[in-house]
Protein backbone atom coordinates (compact mmCIF):
# COMPACT_ATOMS: atom_id res chain seq x y z
CA MET A 1 -17.76 2.41 7.68
CA ALA A 2 -13.98 2.11 7.47
CA GLY A 3 -14.10 -1.36 5.95
CA HIS A 4 -16.64 -0.22 3.36
CA SER A 5 -14.48 2.80 2.49
CA LYS A 6 -11.34 0.72 2.19
CA TRP A 7 -13.07 -1.63 -0.23
CA ASN A 8 -14.26 1.30 -2.35
CA ASN A 9 -10.76 2.76 -2.39
CA ILE A 10 -9.23 -0.56 -3.42
CA LYS A 11 -11.76 -1.01 -6.23
CA ARG A 12 -11.08 2.49 -7.51
CA LYS A 13 -7.31 1.96 -7.47
CA LYS A 14 -7.55 -1.41 -9.20
CA GLU A 15 -9.83 -0.05 -11.90
CA ALA A 16 -7.37 2.79 -12.52
CA ALA A 17 -4.47 0.34 -12.54
CA ASP A 18 -5.93 -1.79 -15.33
CA SER A 19 -4.57 0.63 -17.91
CA LYS A 20 -1.19 0.80 -16.16
CA ARG A 21 -0.55 -2.89 -15.63
CA GLY A 22 3.03 -2.77 -16.89
CA GLN A 23 3.91 0.02 -14.50
CA ILE A 24 2.38 -1.86 -11.57
CA PHE A 25 4.39 -4.96 -12.48
CA THR A 26 7.59 -2.88 -12.60
CA LYS A 27 6.93 -1.45 -9.15
CA MET A 28 6.17 -4.85 -7.68
CA GLY A 29 9.33 -6.24 -9.28
CA ARG A 30 11.38 -3.48 -7.70
CA GLU A 31 9.91 -4.25 -4.29
CA ILE A 32 10.71 -7.94 -4.69
CA ALA A 33 14.28 -7.10 -5.76
CA VAL A 34 14.87 -4.97 -2.67
CA ALA A 35 13.51 -7.74 -0.44
CA VAL A 36 15.80 -10.34 -2.06
CA LYS A 37 18.88 -8.16 -1.68
CA GLU A 38 18.02 -7.54 1.96
CA GLY A 39 17.22 -11.07 3.09
CA GLY A 40 17.88 -13.59 0.32
CA ALA A 41 15.84 -15.33 -2.34
CA ASP A 42 14.03 -17.88 -0.15
CA PRO A 43 10.62 -16.61 0.99
CA ALA A 44 10.56 -19.32 3.67
CA THR A 45 13.35 -17.50 5.52
CA ASN A 46 12.74 -13.96 4.26
CA SER A 47 9.54 -12.50 5.70
CA ARG A 48 9.94 -9.28 3.75
CA LEU A 49 10.06 -11.26 0.52
CA ARG A 50 6.93 -13.16 1.55
CA ASP A 51 5.20 -9.84 2.14
CA ALA A 52 6.35 -8.51 -1.25
CA ILE A 53 5.15 -11.67 -3.01
CA ALA A 54 1.74 -11.45 -1.31
CA LYS A 55 1.42 -7.81 -2.35
CA ALA A 56 2.44 -8.70 -5.91
CA LYS A 57 -0.14 -11.48 -6.09
CA ALA A 58 -2.84 -9.15 -4.78
CA ASN A 59 -1.92 -6.86 -7.70
CA ASN A 60 -2.32 -9.80 -10.13
CA LEU A 61 1.38 -10.19 -10.89
CA PRO A 62 1.70 -13.66 -12.52
CA ASN A 63 3.75 -16.30 -10.70
CA ASP A 64 6.18 -16.49 -13.63
CA ASN A 65 6.91 -12.77 -13.29
CA ILE A 66 7.44 -13.15 -9.56
CA ASP A 67 9.86 -16.05 -10.05
CA ARG A 68 11.80 -14.13 -12.71
CA ALA A 69 12.05 -11.07 -10.47
CA ILE A 70 13.43 -13.17 -7.60
CA LYS A 71 15.99 -14.96 -9.79
CA LYS A 72 17.06 -11.72 -11.44
CA ALA A 73 17.61 -9.98 -8.12
CA ALA A 74 19.44 -12.97 -6.63
CA GLY A 75 21.90 -13.18 -9.51
CA ASP A 76 22.46 -9.53 -10.28
CA SER A 77 24.53 -7.90 -7.54
CA ASP A 78 25.61 -4.95 -9.68
CA ARG A 79 22.18 -3.56 -10.48
CA ASN A 80 20.98 -0.22 -9.17
CA GLN A 81 20.75 -0.06 -5.41
CA TYR A 82 17.35 1.23 -4.39
CA GLU A 83 16.93 3.29 -1.25
CA GLU A 84 13.74 3.36 0.79
CA ILE A 85 12.62 6.89 1.58
CA ILE A 86 9.30 8.09 2.98
CA TYR A 87 8.38 11.65 2.07
CA GLU A 88 5.89 13.57 4.19
CA GLY A 89 3.88 16.64 3.34
CA TYR A 90 0.56 18.40 3.16
CA GLY A 91 -2.03 18.61 0.42
CA PRO A 92 -4.78 21.23 0.05
CA ASN A 93 -6.34 22.36 3.34
CA GLY A 94 -3.67 20.54 5.35
CA VAL A 95 -4.43 16.97 4.22
CA ALA A 96 -1.58 14.82 5.58
CA VAL A 97 0.26 12.76 2.95
CA MET A 98 2.95 10.09 3.23
CA VAL A 99 4.67 8.82 0.07
CA GLU A 100 6.68 5.58 0.22
CA THR A 101 9.40 5.36 -2.43
CA LEU A 102 12.14 3.06 -3.67
CA THR A 103 14.62 5.25 -5.52
CA ASP A 104 18.10 5.06 -7.02
CA ASN A 105 18.31 8.87 -7.14
CA ARG A 106 16.95 10.66 -4.09
CA ASN A 107 17.57 14.12 -5.58
CA ARG A 108 15.41 13.32 -8.60
CA THR A 109 12.63 11.81 -6.51
CA ALA A 110 12.59 14.60 -3.93
CA GLY A 111 12.53 17.23 -6.67
CA ASP A 112 9.65 15.57 -8.49
CA LEU A 113 7.56 15.09 -5.35
CA ARG A 114 8.20 18.65 -4.16
CA HIS A 115 6.98 19.89 -7.54
CA TYR A 116 3.80 17.80 -7.28
CA PHE A 117 3.04 19.11 -3.79
CA ASP A 118 3.64 22.72 -4.83
CA LYS A 119 1.69 22.42 -8.09
CA TYR A 120 -1.54 21.48 -6.35
CA GLY A 121 -1.54 23.70 -3.29
CA GLY A 122 0.46 21.58 -0.87
CA ASN A 123 4.01 21.48 0.40
CA LEU A 124 6.70 18.90 1.09
CA GLY A 125 7.46 18.73 4.82
CA GLN A 126 10.29 17.51 7.01
CA SER A 127 10.62 13.95 8.25
CA GLY A 128 8.15 13.51 11.11
CA SER A 129 5.92 16.40 10.06
CA VAL A 130 2.86 14.20 9.48
CA SER A 131 3.88 10.63 10.37
CA TYR A 132 2.73 11.15 13.96
CA MET A 133 -0.82 11.25 12.59
CA PHE A 134 -0.55 7.68 11.26
CA THR A 135 -0.15 4.21 12.77
CA ARG A 136 1.63 1.39 10.95
CA LYS A 137 -0.60 -1.68 10.68
CA GLY A 138 -0.96 -4.85 8.69
CA VAL A 139 -4.13 -4.77 6.61
CA LEU A 140 -5.63 -7.78 4.85
CA VAL A 141 -8.70 -7.26 2.69
CA ILE A 142 -10.81 -10.16 1.41
CA GLU A 143 -13.66 -9.79 -1.05
CA ASN A 144 -16.74 -11.24 0.61
CA THR A 145 -18.02 -13.93 -1.73
CA GLY A 146 -20.42 -15.46 0.78
CA ILE A 147 -18.18 -15.80 3.82
CA SER A 148 -20.25 -15.74 7.00
CA GLU A 149 -19.35 -13.39 9.82
CA GLU A 150 -19.10 -16.36 12.20
CA LYS A 151 -16.68 -18.16 9.87
CA ILE A 152 -14.25 -15.29 9.40
CA PHE A 153 -14.22 -14.46 13.11
CA GLU A 154 -13.53 -18.11 13.90
CA ASP A 155 -10.64 -18.29 11.40
CA ALA A 156 -9.14 -14.83 11.80
CA LEU A 157 -9.13 -14.28 15.55
CA LEU A 158 -5.41 -15.00 15.74
CA ASP A 159 -2.60 -13.61 17.87
CA GLY A 160 -1.75 -10.12 16.73
CA VAL A 161 -5.12 -9.39 15.10
CA GLN A 162 -6.33 -6.01 16.33
CA ASP A 163 -9.67 -5.71 14.58
CA ILE A 164 -11.93 -7.36 12.00
CA GLU A 165 -14.38 -5.26 10.00
CA TYR A 166 -17.10 -7.27 8.28
CA SER A 167 -19.43 -6.11 5.52
CA GLU A 168 -21.34 -7.80 2.72
CA GLU A 169 -18.79 -6.50 0.19
CA ALA A 170 -15.48 -7.05 1.95
CA ILE A 171 -13.71 -8.06 5.13
CA ALA A 172 -10.79 -6.02 6.48
CA ILE A 173 -8.46 -7.61 9.03
CA TYR A 174 -6.05 -5.37 10.94
CA THR A 175 -2.92 -6.71 12.63
CA ASP A 176 0.05 -5.33 14.47
CA THR A 177 3.12 -5.13 12.25
CA GLY A 178 4.94 -8.06 13.80
CA ALA A 179 2.01 -10.44 13.36
CA PHE A 180 1.11 -9.45 9.80
CA SER A 181 3.06 -12.16 7.95
CA GLY A 182 1.96 -14.94 10.28
CA VAL A 183 -1.72 -13.99 10.11
CA ARG A 184 -1.60 -13.71 6.33
CA ASP A 185 0.14 -17.09 6.00
CA ALA A 186 -2.37 -18.76 8.33
CA LEU A 187 -5.36 -17.43 6.40
CA ASP A 188 -3.71 -18.26 3.08
CA LYS A 189 -3.40 -21.89 4.19
CA LEU A 190 -7.13 -21.88 4.94
CA GLY A 191 -7.80 -20.88 1.33
CA TYR A 192 -8.52 -17.17 1.71
CA GLN A 193 -7.50 -14.94 -1.19
CA PHE A 194 -6.65 -11.30 -0.62
CA VAL A 195 -7.48 -8.34 -2.83
CA SER A 196 -5.01 -6.37 -0.74
CA ALA A 197 -2.36 -7.56 1.72
CA GLN A 198 0.25 -5.12 2.95
CA LEU A 199 1.56 -2.98 5.76
CA GLU A 200 -0.23 0.36 5.65
CA TYR A 201 -0.22 3.71 7.39
CA GLU A 202 -3.65 4.20 8.92
CA PRO A 203 -4.57 7.82 9.81
CA SER A 204 -5.74 8.59 13.33
CA SER A 205 -8.08 11.31 12.05
CA TYR A 206 -9.38 12.55 8.71
CA THR A 207 -9.54 15.89 6.89
CA GLN A 208 -12.48 16.83 4.68
CA LEU A 209 -12.28 18.91 1.53
CA THR A 210 -15.57 20.63 0.87
CA ASP A 211 -14.29 22.97 -1.83
CA PRO A 212 -14.59 21.32 -5.30
CA ASP A 213 -11.37 22.98 -6.50
CA GLN A 214 -9.42 21.61 -3.54
CA ARG A 215 -10.89 18.15 -4.09
CA GLN A 216 -9.84 18.23 -7.74
CA LYS A 217 -6.34 19.40 -6.85
CA MET A 218 -5.97 16.67 -4.23
CA GLN A 219 -7.08 13.99 -6.68
CA LYS A 220 -4.69 15.19 -9.37
CA MET A 221 -1.82 15.35 -6.90
CA LEU A 222 -2.46 11.77 -5.76
CA GLU A 223 -2.60 10.60 -9.39
CA LEU A 224 0.81 12.16 -10.08
CA PHE A 225 2.30 10.48 -7.03
CA GLU A 226 0.88 7.07 -7.95
CA ASP A 227 2.07 7.39 -11.56
CA HIS A 228 5.67 8.13 -10.54
CA ASP A 229 8.01 5.20 -11.14
CA ASP A 230 9.75 5.61 -7.77
CA VAL A 231 6.54 5.70 -5.70
CA GLN A 232 5.41 2.40 -4.19
CA SER A 233 2.49 3.55 -2.00
CA VAL A 234 0.71 6.75 -1.02
CA TRP A 235 -1.11 7.21 2.29
CA HIS A 236 -3.24 10.19 3.27
CA ASN A 237 -6.00 11.28 5.63
CA TRP A 238 -8.32 12.82 3.05
CA GLU A 239 -11.91 11.81 3.75
CA ASN A 240 -12.74 11.68 0.07
CA GLU A 241 -15.98 11.05 -1.78
CA ASP A 242 -15.81 7.26 -1.37
CA ASP A 243 -15.37 7.63 2.38
CA GLU A 244 -18.45 9.81 2.55
CA ASP A 245 -20.78 7.36 0.81
């Protein structure tokens, strides 16, 4: 069920992102820049940069754009310094929400996100208010184009892999955070291509919204978060309509 839901969620996000390709590229470029400033421009020695590149490729960022982003960040020490901040809060009916940001102005970002929470029946919480409901994991999703269950279990049962969810549509591989890069690199060398490859916050439980008005408010709130330039990822425990299929 979870693997099926994750595939549906990824498809929905990618379909929505088609009309916002430039914005997605900008966000991926920012993530690459932060990784370069933190650990250097060589992905062979900078695991965070390797992770950012894999995420960018999964979002269809062309290799030329990736190379330009790395070179620009490596040679531009005076550019804006981005700060990583995770905001936590609640949506309608207590849905837990975590918003990962890279911002050069925390006051602006916090003000915008607080407004979004308030506008749609939620509220911005303190650090730690909902993060205890999530576990940080590496998640690799592969579109199933005829891969047998035996084959993927043979290839993907690597150190650090916690679970493999197989369906006819997609395969989701869960790792602990420390093993994520190594597992991804090993599967990449075997020729697997990922539709999603990143560290995620997986909820330990889910909240349903049965009221149509609450569901609409939650969807609009998530759309505002995802459209914000400073927001890199949004995690929540809403058991939405795709999860219920």
